[in-house]
Amino acid sequence: MSYERAKEHLEKFGLGDRIRLFEVSSATVALAAEALGTSEARIAKTLSFLTPEGAILVVAAGDAKIDNRKFKDNFHTKAKMISHDEVEALVGHAVGGVCPFGINSGVKVYLDGSLRRFDVVYPAAGTASSAVELTVSELELATSPEAWVDVTQIPSVNEE
């Protein structure tokens, strides 16, 4: 169901044919990078958080780490990831396939500035064995984010 929701969402923007399905798991940044033959930094990981206003998603580069201070300054609450057993119910996708496409109504999407380093990134497509190749502009178009945010730290030496 999650894959179909993500694909249907991407098709509205003419991007459904970009989804790649793998015989192997792409459930983590490292596994996705290996399946795609790209750097971990180019994997657009989707992190799910619970805020007083509800569930939110932050899409960030694969090598970026959440900076708790920046998160709190931006969202006015502590960074609290949604527990594994609640993610699917709150967001619409299970852990390993969480993506910003075809999500539950009311879930807000934010894109992190760590993605701006790249022309092309690879978010998941609703399953633990899928990804979609998108330019950052296409990702922005397909997610209609609430905003671009700066809530991560990236390593000083980046693999691009």
N, C-alpha and C. Protein backbone atom coordinates (compact mmCIF):
# COMPACT_ATOMS: atom_id res chain seq x y z
N MET A 1 0.82 -1.20 0.00
CA MET A 1 0.00 0.00 0.00
C MET A 1 0.86 1.26 0.00
N SER A 2 1.92 1.29 0.81
CA SER A 2 2.77 2.47 0.88
C SER A 2 3.42 2.79 -0.45
N TYR A 3 3.91 1.75 -1.13
CA TYR A 3 4.54 1.96 -2.44
C TYR A 3 3.53 2.57 -3.41
N GLU A 4 2.32 2.02 -3.44
CA GLU A 4 1.29 2.52 -4.35
C GLU A 4 0.96 3.97 -4.05
N ARG A 5 0.88 4.33 -2.76
CA ARG A 5 0.60 5.72 -2.39
C ARG A 5 1.72 6.64 -2.84
N ALA A 6 2.96 6.22 -2.63
CA ALA A 6 4.10 7.04 -3.04
C ALA A 6 4.13 7.18 -4.57
N LYS A 7 3.94 6.08 -5.28
CA LYS A 7 3.96 6.11 -6.75
C LYS A 7 2.84 6.99 -7.29
N GLU A 8 1.65 6.83 -6.77
CA GLU A 8 0.52 7.65 -7.20
C GLU A 8 0.81 9.14 -6.98
N HIS A 9 1.39 9.46 -5.84
CA HIS A 9 1.75 10.85 -5.54
C HIS A 9 2.77 11.37 -6.55
N LEU A 10 3.82 10.60 -6.80
CA LEU A 10 4.87 11.02 -7.72
C LEU A 10 4.35 11.13 -9.16
N GLU A 11 3.41 10.29 -9.52
CA GLU A 11 2.84 10.34 -10.88
C GLU A 11 2.11 11.65 -11.14
N LYS A 12 1.55 12.27 -10.11
CA LYS A 12 0.89 13.57 -10.27
C LYS A 12 1.86 14.63 -10.78
N PHE A 13 3.15 14.41 -10.57
CA PHE A 13 4.18 15.36 -10.98
C PHE A 13 5.00 14.82 -12.15
N GLY A 14 4.54 13.72 -12.75
CA GLY A 14 5.25 13.13 -13.87
C GLY A 14 6.55 12.46 -13.47
N LEU A 15 6.65 12.02 -12.20
CA LEU A 15 7.90 11.46 -11.69
C LEU A 15 7.80 9.99 -11.29
N GLY A 16 6.65 9.38 -11.49
CA GLY A 16 6.45 7.99 -11.08
C GLY A 16 7.38 7.00 -11.77
N ASP A 17 7.80 7.32 -13.00
CA ASP A 17 8.67 6.41 -13.74
C ASP A 17 10.12 6.45 -13.25
N ARG A 18 10.43 7.32 -12.31
CA ARG A 18 11.78 7.43 -11.76
C ARG A 18 12.04 6.47 -10.61
N ILE A 19 10.99 5.82 -10.12
CA ILE A 19 11.13 4.91 -8.98
C ILE A 19 11.93 3.69 -9.40
N ARG A 20 12.87 3.31 -8.54
CA ARG A 20 13.65 2.10 -8.76
C ARG A 20 13.35 1.12 -7.63
N LEU A 21 13.04 -0.11 -8.00
CA LEU A 21 12.80 -1.17 -7.02
C LEU A 21 14.00 -2.10 -7.03
N PHE A 22 14.41 -2.55 -5.84
CA PHE A 22 15.60 -3.37 -5.70
C PHE A 22 15.27 -4.77 -5.20
N GLU A 23 16.14 -5.70 -5.53
CA GLU A 23 16.06 -7.06 -5.01
C GLU A 23 16.63 -7.11 -3.59
N VAL A 24 17.37 -6.07 -3.22
CA VAL A 24 18.00 -5.99 -1.90
C VAL A 24 17.37 -4.86 -1.10
N SER A 25 17.63 -4.85 0.19
CA SER A 25 17.09 -3.82 1.05
C SER A 25 17.78 -2.48 0.80
N SER A 26 16.98 -1.43 0.87
CA SER A 26 17.50 -0.06 0.83
C SER A 26 16.97 0.69 2.05
N ALA A 27 16.74 -0.05 3.13
CA ALA A 27 16.08 0.48 4.32
C ALA A 27 16.92 1.45 5.13
N THR A 28 18.24 1.44 4.94
CA THR A 28 19.10 2.38 5.65
C THR A 28 19.84 3.22 4.62
N VAL A 29 20.44 4.29 5.07
CA VAL A 29 21.23 5.14 4.17
C VAL A 29 22.33 4.32 3.50
N ALA A 30 23.05 3.54 4.29
CA ALA A 30 24.16 2.74 3.75
C ALA A 30 23.66 1.72 2.72
N LEU A 31 22.58 1.03 3.03
CA LEU A 31 22.04 0.03 2.10
C LEU A 31 21.51 0.68 0.83
N ALA A 32 20.86 1.82 0.96
CA ALA A 32 20.34 2.53 -0.21
C ALA A 32 21.48 3.00 -1.11
N ALA A 33 22.53 3.55 -0.50
CA ALA A 33 23.69 4.01 -1.28
C ALA A 33 24.32 2.84 -2.03
N GLU A 34 24.43 1.70 -1.36
CA GLU A 34 25.00 0.51 -1.99
C GLU A 34 24.13 0.04 -3.15
N ALA A 35 22.82 -0.02 -2.94
CA ALA A 35 21.90 -0.48 -3.98
C ALA A 35 21.93 0.44 -5.20
N LEU A 36 22.13 1.73 -4.96
CA LEU A 36 22.14 2.71 -6.04
C LEU A 36 23.52 2.96 -6.64
N GLY A 37 24.55 2.55 -5.92
CA GLY A 37 25.90 2.83 -6.38
C GLY A 37 26.25 4.30 -6.29
N THR A 38 25.82 4.94 -5.21
CA THR A 38 26.09 6.36 -5.01
C THR A 38 26.61 6.59 -3.59
N SER A 39 26.94 7.81 -3.28
CA SER A 39 27.42 8.12 -1.93
C SER A 39 26.26 8.20 -0.95
N GLU A 40 26.53 7.91 0.31
CA GLU A 40 25.51 7.99 1.35
C GLU A 40 24.95 9.40 1.47
N ALA A 41 25.78 10.41 1.22
CA ALA A 41 25.33 11.80 1.34
C ALA A 41 24.17 12.10 0.40
N ARG A 42 24.12 11.45 -0.76
CA ARG A 42 23.08 11.73 -1.75
C ARG A 42 21.75 11.02 -1.46
N ILE A 43 21.73 10.18 -0.46
CA ILE A 43 20.47 9.55 -0.06
C ILE A 43 19.68 10.58 0.74
N ALA A 44 18.48 10.89 0.28
CA ALA A 44 17.64 11.86 0.97
C ALA A 44 16.82 11.12 2.02
N LYS A 45 17.35 11.08 3.24
CA LYS A 45 16.65 10.34 4.29
C LYS A 45 15.50 11.18 4.83
N THR A 46 14.42 10.49 5.15
CA THR A 46 13.23 11.15 5.68
C THR A 46 13.08 10.76 7.14
N LEU A 47 13.24 11.74 8.01
CA LEU A 47 13.19 11.53 9.45
C LEU A 47 11.83 12.00 9.98
N SER A 48 11.23 11.19 10.83
CA SER A 48 9.90 11.52 11.35
C SER A 48 9.97 11.91 12.82
N PHE A 49 9.35 13.04 13.13
CA PHE A 49 9.36 13.59 14.48
C PHE A 49 7.94 13.88 14.94
N LEU A 50 7.79 13.82 16.26
CA LEU A 50 6.52 14.17 16.88
C LEU A 50 6.68 15.54 17.53
N THR A 51 5.82 16.46 17.17
CA THR A 51 5.83 17.80 17.75
C THR A 51 4.47 18.03 18.41
N PRO A 52 4.33 19.08 19.20
CA PRO A 52 3.02 19.36 19.79
C PRO A 52 1.92 19.55 18.73
N GLU A 53 2.31 19.95 17.51
CA GLU A 53 1.33 20.14 16.43
C GLU A 53 1.07 18.86 15.64
N GLY A 54 1.81 17.79 15.95
CA GLY A 54 1.62 16.53 15.24
C GLY A 54 2.90 16.04 14.60
N ALA A 55 2.76 15.06 13.72
CA ALA A 55 3.92 14.46 13.04
C ALA A 55 4.46 15.39 11.98
N ILE A 56 5.78 15.45 11.89
CA ILE A 56 6.44 16.19 10.81
C ILE A 56 7.53 15.31 10.22
N LEU A 57 7.89 15.59 8.99
CA LEU A 57 8.98 14.90 8.32
C LEU A 57 10.05 15.92 7.96
N VAL A 58 11.30 15.56 8.21
CA VAL A 58 12.43 16.37 7.79
C VAL A 58 13.23 15.52 6.81
N VAL A 59 13.37 16.00 5.59
CA VAL A 59 14.15 15.30 4.58
C VAL A 59 15.53 15.95 4.55
N ALA A 60 16.57 15.14 4.78
CA ALA A 60 17.93 15.65 4.89
C ALA A 60 18.89 14.75 4.12
N ALA A 61 20.07 15.26 3.85
CA ALA A 61 21.11 14.48 3.19
C ALA A 61 21.50 13.30 4.07
N GLY A 62 21.89 12.22 3.46
CA GLY A 62 22.22 10.99 4.17
C GLY A 62 23.36 11.11 5.17
N ASP A 63 24.25 12.06 4.97
CA ASP A 63 25.38 12.22 5.89
C ASP A 63 25.10 13.26 6.98
N ALA A 64 23.95 13.88 6.94
CA ALA A 64 23.61 14.92 7.92
C ALA A 64 23.06 14.31 9.21
N LYS A 65 23.35 14.95 10.30
CA LYS A 65 22.83 14.53 11.62
C LYS A 65 21.98 15.66 12.18
N ILE A 66 20.90 15.30 12.84
CA ILE A 66 20.05 16.33 13.46
C ILE A 66 20.85 17.05 14.53
N ASP A 67 20.80 18.35 14.50
CA ASP A 67 21.41 19.21 15.51
C ASP A 67 20.28 19.61 16.46
N ASN A 68 20.31 19.08 17.68
CA ASN A 68 19.20 19.30 18.61
C ASN A 68 18.93 20.77 18.89
N ARG A 69 19.96 21.57 19.00
CA ARG A 69 19.79 23.02 19.26
C ARG A 69 19.08 23.69 18.09
N LYS A 70 19.55 23.41 16.86
CA LYS A 70 18.93 23.99 15.67
C LYS A 70 17.47 23.54 15.54
N PHE A 71 17.23 22.25 15.83
CA PHE A 71 15.87 21.73 15.75
C PHE A 71 14.96 22.49 16.71
N LYS A 72 15.42 22.62 17.95
CA LYS A 72 14.60 23.32 18.96
C LYS A 72 14.39 24.78 18.59
N ASP A 73 15.43 25.43 18.10
CA ASP A 73 15.30 26.83 17.68
C ASP A 73 14.29 26.98 16.55
N ASN A 74 14.26 26.01 15.65
CA ASN A 74 13.37 26.10 14.49
C ASN A 74 11.93 25.69 14.81
N PHE A 75 11.78 24.59 15.54
CA PHE A 75 10.44 24.05 15.78
C PHE A 75 9.90 24.33 17.18
N HIS A 76 10.69 24.97 18.02
CA HIS A 76 10.29 25.35 19.38
C HIS A 76 9.88 24.16 20.24
N THR A 77 10.52 23.04 19.98
CA THR A 77 10.30 21.83 20.77
C THR A 77 11.53 20.94 20.62
N LYS A 78 11.68 20.01 21.54
CA LYS A 78 12.79 19.06 21.48
C LYS A 78 12.60 18.10 20.31
N ALA A 79 13.71 17.68 19.71
CA ALA A 79 13.64 16.70 18.62
C ALA A 79 13.28 15.34 19.21
N LYS A 80 12.07 14.89 18.94
CA LYS A 80 11.61 13.60 19.45
C LYS A 80 11.15 12.76 18.26
N MET A 81 11.98 11.77 17.92
CA MET A 81 11.62 10.92 16.79
C MET A 81 10.41 10.06 17.15
N ILE A 82 9.60 9.79 16.14
CA ILE A 82 8.44 8.93 16.34
C ILE A 82 8.94 7.50 16.51
N SER A 83 8.37 6.78 17.46
CA SER A 83 8.81 5.40 17.72
C SER A 83 8.50 4.51 16.51
N HIS A 84 9.30 3.46 16.35
CA HIS A 84 9.15 2.54 15.22
C HIS A 84 7.73 2.02 15.07
N ASP A 85 7.11 1.67 16.19
CA ASP A 85 5.77 1.08 16.10
C ASP A 85 4.67 2.10 15.85
N GLU A 86 4.97 3.39 15.85
CA GLU A 86 3.95 4.42 15.59
C GLU A 86 4.12 5.10 14.23
N VAL A 87 5.28 4.93 13.61
CA VAL A 87 5.57 5.66 12.37
C VAL A 87 4.53 5.41 11.28
N GLU A 88 4.26 4.16 11.00
CA GLU A 88 3.34 3.86 9.90
C GLU A 88 1.95 4.45 10.15
N ALA A 89 1.45 4.32 11.36
CA ALA A 89 0.12 4.86 11.67
C ALA A 89 0.08 6.39 11.56
N LEU A 90 1.13 7.05 12.01
CA LEU A 90 1.15 8.51 12.02
C LEU A 90 1.53 9.13 10.68
N VAL A 91 2.44 8.49 9.97
CA VAL A 91 2.98 9.07 8.73
C VAL A 91 2.38 8.44 7.48
N GLY A 92 2.15 7.13 7.51
CA GLY A 92 1.61 6.44 6.35
C GLY A 92 2.58 5.50 5.68
N HIS A 93 3.82 5.47 6.15
CA HIS A 93 4.84 4.56 5.63
C HIS A 93 5.56 3.91 6.80
N ALA A 94 5.99 2.67 6.60
CA ALA A 94 6.72 1.95 7.64
C ALA A 94 8.19 2.34 7.65
N VAL A 95 8.84 2.13 8.79
CA VAL A 95 10.27 2.39 8.92
C VAL A 95 11.02 1.63 7.83
N GLY A 96 11.98 2.30 7.23
CA GLY A 96 12.74 1.72 6.12
C GLY A 96 12.23 2.20 4.78
N GLY A 97 10.97 2.61 4.73
CA GLY A 97 10.38 3.12 3.49
C GLY A 97 9.76 4.49 3.66
N VAL A 98 10.00 5.11 4.81
CA VAL A 98 9.42 6.43 5.07
C VAL A 98 9.94 7.41 4.02
N CYS A 99 9.01 8.11 3.39
CA CYS A 99 9.35 9.09 2.37
C CYS A 99 8.31 10.22 2.44
N PRO A 100 8.56 11.33 1.77
CA PRO A 100 7.62 12.45 1.85
C PRO A 100 6.52 12.41 0.80
N PHE A 101 6.29 11.25 0.17
CA PHE A 101 5.31 11.12 -0.91
C PHE A 101 4.16 10.22 -0.47
N GLY A 102 2.93 10.65 -0.68
CA GLY A 102 1.78 9.82 -0.34
C GLY A 102 1.62 9.62 1.15
N ILE A 103 1.91 10.66 1.90
CA ILE A 103 1.84 10.58 3.37
C ILE A 103 0.44 10.91 3.87
N ASN A 104 0.21 10.63 5.14
CA ASN A 104 -1.08 10.92 5.74
C ASN A 104 -1.37 12.41 5.75
N SER A 105 -2.62 12.74 5.64
CA SER A 105 -3.06 14.13 5.68
C SER A 105 -2.63 14.78 6.99
N GLY A 106 -2.18 16.01 6.90
CA GLY A 106 -1.79 16.75 8.09
C GLY A 106 -0.33 16.64 8.48
N VAL A 107 0.40 15.70 7.87
CA VAL A 107 1.83 15.56 8.16
C VAL A 107 2.57 16.61 7.35
N LYS A 108 3.33 17.46 8.03
CA LYS A 108 4.05 18.54 7.36
C LYS A 108 5.45 18.07 6.98
N VAL A 109 5.90 18.52 5.81
CA VAL A 109 7.22 18.15 5.29
C VAL A 109 8.12 19.38 5.29
N TYR A 110 9.35 19.18 5.75
CA TYR A 110 10.37 20.22 5.73
C TYR A 110 11.59 19.65 5.01
N LEU A 111 12.22 20.47 4.18
CA LEU A 111 13.45 20.06 3.51
C LEU A 111 14.61 20.75 4.18
N ASP A 112 15.64 19.98 4.50
CA ASP A 112 16.81 20.54 5.17
C ASP A 112 17.82 21.04 4.14
N GLY A 113 18.47 22.14 4.48
CA GLY A 113 19.45 22.76 3.60
C GLY A 113 20.62 21.87 3.23
N SER A 114 20.84 20.79 3.97
CA SER A 114 21.93 19.86 3.64
C SER A 114 21.76 19.26 2.25
N LEU A 115 20.54 19.26 1.73
CA LEU A 115 20.27 18.70 0.40
C LEU A 115 20.72 19.63 -0.73
N ARG A 116 20.84 20.91 -0.44
CA ARG A 116 21.13 21.90 -1.48
C ARG A 116 22.51 21.72 -2.11
N ARG A 117 23.37 20.89 -1.53
CA ARG A 117 24.71 20.64 -2.09
C ARG A 117 24.66 19.82 -3.36
N PHE A 118 23.54 19.18 -3.63
CA PHE A 118 23.45 18.20 -4.71
C PHE A 118 22.46 18.61 -5.78
N ASP A 119 22.73 18.16 -6.99
CA ASP A 119 21.76 18.32 -8.07
C ASP A 119 20.71 17.23 -7.96
N VAL A 120 21.18 15.98 -7.72
CA VAL A 120 20.31 14.82 -7.69
C VAL A 120 20.41 14.14 -6.33
N VAL A 121 19.25 13.74 -5.78
CA VAL A 121 19.19 13.00 -4.52
C VAL A 121 18.25 11.81 -4.69
N TYR A 122 18.28 10.90 -3.70
CA TYR A 122 17.52 9.66 -3.80
C TYR A 122 16.73 9.38 -2.53
N PRO A 123 15.50 9.86 -2.44
CA PRO A 123 14.65 9.47 -1.31
C PRO A 123 14.02 8.09 -1.55
N ALA A 124 13.52 7.50 -0.49
CA ALA A 124 12.79 6.23 -0.60
C ALA A 124 11.46 6.47 -1.32
N ALA A 125 10.81 5.39 -1.68
CA ALA A 125 9.53 5.48 -2.38
C ALA A 125 8.48 4.58 -1.72
N GLY A 126 8.45 4.59 -0.39
CA GLY A 126 7.39 3.90 0.33
C GLY A 126 7.68 2.48 0.77
N THR A 127 8.82 1.91 0.33
CA THR A 127 9.17 0.56 0.75
C THR A 127 10.63 0.51 1.19
N ALA A 128 11.01 -0.59 1.80
CA ALA A 128 12.39 -0.78 2.25
C ALA A 128 13.28 -1.33 1.15
N SER A 129 12.79 -1.29 -0.10
CA SER A 129 13.62 -1.73 -1.23
C SER A 129 13.31 -0.88 -2.46
N SER A 130 13.24 0.44 -2.24
CA SER A 130 12.94 1.35 -3.34
C SER A 130 13.62 2.70 -3.13
N ALA A 131 13.76 3.42 -4.22
CA ALA A 131 14.25 4.80 -4.18
C ALA A 131 13.77 5.49 -5.44
N VAL A 132 13.81 6.81 -5.42
CA VAL A 132 13.43 7.57 -6.60
C VAL A 132 14.51 8.63 -6.84
N GLU A 133 14.95 8.73 -8.08
CA GLU A 133 15.98 9.70 -8.45
C GLU A 133 15.31 11.02 -8.81
N LEU A 134 15.64 12.06 -8.04
CA LEU A 134 15.03 13.38 -8.27
C LEU A 134 16.09 14.48 -8.17
N THR A 135 15.89 15.52 -8.95
CA THR A 135 16.70 16.71 -8.70
C THR A 135 16.14 17.34 -7.43
N VAL A 136 16.91 18.20 -6.81
CA VAL A 136 16.42 18.86 -5.60
C VAL A 136 15.19 19.71 -5.93
N SER A 137 15.17 20.31 -7.10
CA SER A 137 14.00 21.10 -7.52
C SER A 137 12.77 20.21 -7.67
N GLU A 138 12.95 19.01 -8.22
CA GLU A 138 11.82 18.07 -8.35
C GLU A 138 11.35 17.60 -6.98
N LEU A 139 12.29 17.38 -6.07
CA LEU A 139 11.93 16.98 -4.71
C LEU A 139 11.08 18.08 -4.07
N GLU A 140 11.50 19.30 -4.24
CA GLU A 140 10.74 20.43 -3.69
C GLU A 140 9.35 20.50 -4.31
N LEU A 141 9.27 20.35 -5.61
CA LEU A 141 7.98 20.37 -6.31
C LEU A 141 7.06 19.26 -5.80
N ALA A 142 7.59 18.05 -5.67
CA ALA A 142 6.78 16.89 -5.30
C ALA A 142 6.39 16.85 -3.83
N THR A 143 7.11 17.60 -2.98
CA THR A 143 6.78 17.56 -1.55
C THR A 143 6.00 18.78 -1.09
N SER A 144 6.04 19.87 -1.85
CA SER A 144 5.41 21.12 -1.41
C SER A 144 5.72 21.36 0.07
N PRO A 145 7.00 21.51 0.40
CA PRO A 145 7.38 21.62 1.81
C PRO A 145 6.81 22.86 2.49
N GLU A 146 6.64 22.73 3.79
CA GLU A 146 6.24 23.90 4.59
C GLU A 146 7.32 24.96 4.49
N ALA A 147 8.59 24.49 4.50
CA ALA A 147 9.72 25.41 4.44
C ALA A 147 11.01 24.63 4.25
N TRP A 148 12.04 25.35 3.85
CA TRP A 148 13.40 24.85 3.92
C TRP A 148 13.90 25.22 5.30
N VAL A 149 14.57 24.30 5.97
CA VAL A 149 15.07 24.53 7.32
C VAL A 149 16.56 24.19 7.38
N ASP A 150 17.18 24.63 8.45
CA ASP A 150 18.58 24.28 8.74
C ASP A 150 18.59 23.67 10.13
N VAL A 151 18.40 22.34 10.18
CA VAL A 151 18.32 21.66 11.47
C VAL A 151 19.33 20.52 11.59
N THR A 152 20.34 20.52 10.71
CA THR A 152 21.33 19.45 10.74
C THR A 152 22.74 20.01 10.78
N GLN A 153 23.66 19.09 11.05
CA GLN A 153 25.09 19.34 10.90
C GLN A 153 25.57 18.33 9.88
N ILE A 154 26.47 18.76 9.02
CA ILE A 154 27.05 17.83 8.06
C ILE A 154 28.55 17.73 8.34
N PRO A 155 29.14 16.59 8.07
CA PRO A 155 30.57 16.43 8.30
C PRO A 155 31.35 17.49 7.52
N SER A 156 32.50 17.89 8.04
CA SER A 156 33.29 18.92 7.37
C SER A 156 33.90 18.43 6.07
N VAL A 157 34.13 17.13 5.96
CA VAL A 157 34.62 16.56 4.71
C VAL A 157 33.45 15.79 4.12
N ASN A 158 32.91 16.30 3.02
CA ASN A 158 31.72 15.69 2.42
C ASN A 158 32.08 14.87 1.19
N GLU A 159 31.46 13.73 1.10
CA GLU A 159 31.60 12.89 -0.09
C GLU A 159 30.49 13.30 -1.03
N GLU A 160 30.84 13.89 -2.12
CA GLU A 160 29.84 14.33 -3.08
C GLU A 160 30.11 13.65 -4.38
